[in-house]
């Protein structure tokens, strides 16, 4: 493992800045914990912010769940090693915005739900609801563990700060302020932390560009190594990042997150109206575009800074996620506090993801596993929700610690976004768009999609790409240590060939490092014989969500037709199905006969969405303080079994 240079350590000013960021985040949680202590309908205030949050604050919170610490560290490393194809992610955001705001947000507001998975019970049955909830909790616990571990590891290895101290500090502070203040604390700390991230990234990018001679030098350095490559339109699904893998694959991946995960939907529903929820989504993605552009610029600057002496090959760092902190510490060691401010920004991105995740898990556990079976008072449910937040925080810290021991767990966890997200998106799409889908088909289809994704991912670990295929499909750019000072160059063997663990914003894989020449090293053939099916295992991680979603949809629709689901679809409440084929963007291109066929007997012509009034979450005739059941849970499933 690489050891940072002795003079690259945190000073008193750096620790002070870092501590201030943690203290302010904690203070926000304490403030809302005290302010809302006696709030009416406390559990809704605690878990949903009282459904009166400002759209701009919610939008900032949404954006910095999208922009995590792994993103801040991973995108510059992605640009540094693989070039600029990842920038096409910016083109995905308008598509994600359109799908989420036109299909899913109106559906959730129409039903006035708290847990995203309430919809699955209303549309199908309680078993499907529990299936979705369990999948989300498993995915989120593992993912948050990595969100704590990954930046802590990078920080500790480049600064000398103790890894365990970093993990426990991050996890405990997040857990405390989320436990105390609930969703309001999560959202307003996201606003504060998001402002910190944005300002710090702007300062760091321009100061680091000046250190290499200005933007003209940055342009020339990246042009010499062909890092401004935006025109890879290869249709081969094994190519890691092409135009198609990003536009198709990552669009589906992030749609699954923004449209179906509780941590995102909970934010939309914290707004007072559907219109404000849509505004929050627009505002959040605008902020995300700004931060993504800043991270991309930092990647270009970072290559210009390390152009002649790659820290990975020379052994100055052990993983690409450490490149950006290493550059910051080298550049700004003479500016007390600036390095601490940067790491505070990285941890702000981490804490935003962690706090929103544990709050969301507490919400779905409370709403999906506890509230339907008990008649506890509102104050009791608030206490239960706080205990759940605290418990999930401790569990995530434990998994972050486990990640330090189990090497492959990092790779497995980061891939869960696509492996589980695809079948989940397929499950919601079955229910929302296809009236013929029934509970039997949806339940089975989810497992088919999940099994297929898991099989492909497991196969990719058993049959990794050979070095030659890695170069062919991953297409890393040339790096050199020709200009490294002699003491920084480790051994000839290391200079010729080595392998490091590379964490992208969304996945982890083994990446070959090149020698000091300007062409890739001649790497040996992998000893394991690859069967023909291994080509399927080599599919880009970006397609996992699309594969899982398509498998879930196809299998679900086939089973629905075989079980005659289309015959009973007419009995489904129209408010549970989105008339996608009647949307104003699609309707002119489709004949009325086809659109009527897709209604499956539902009386869509006489359906007036504007006149629908969802069940209120609290009835004035019932006293929630005396333990009356939430009216939303008195609704029966509208799915009819065969």
Foldseek 3Di string as FASTA:
>chain_A
DFAADPLLAADPLLVVLLVVLLVVLLVLLQVQLVVLVPPDLSQCCQQQVVLADFLLLLLLLLLLLVVFLLQLLFQLLCLQWFFDQLLLLLVLLVVLLCCQLQFFLVLCVLQLDQALLLLVCQLFRLVVSVVLLVLLLVLLLLQLLLLLQVLLVLCCRHHVPDSLCSLCSLLVSLLNSCLRNHPVSLSVSSVVLSVLLLVLLVVVLQLLCVVLPHPVLLVVLCVVQVRNDNAFQDPQLLFFRGSCLSNPQVSLLVSLVCRRRQLNSSSLSSHNDSVSSSVSSVSNSVSNSSSSVSSNSSSSSLCSVCQQADCCLLSNDFESSNSSLNSCSVSCVVPRNSSSSNSSSSSSSSSSNNNSSLSSSLSCCLVSPPQLVFLAFSVVSSNSSSVSSNVSSVSSSVSSVVCVVDPCSSQVSLLSSLLQSQLSVLLLCCSAAFLLFHNVLSVVLSVQLNVVLVVLQVLCVVDPAWLVVCCVRHVIIFGANNPPDPVSHDDPVSQDWDWGWYRHSRGIDIDIHAHHDRDRHDGDTDPDDDDPCSSSSSRHSSCSNVSSNVSSNVSRVVVSVVQVSLQCSQQFDCSSYDLVCCPPVRVVVDDPVVSVVSSSNHPPVPDDSVPRDHDDQDDPVDDSRVRDRGVSSVNGHSGDGD
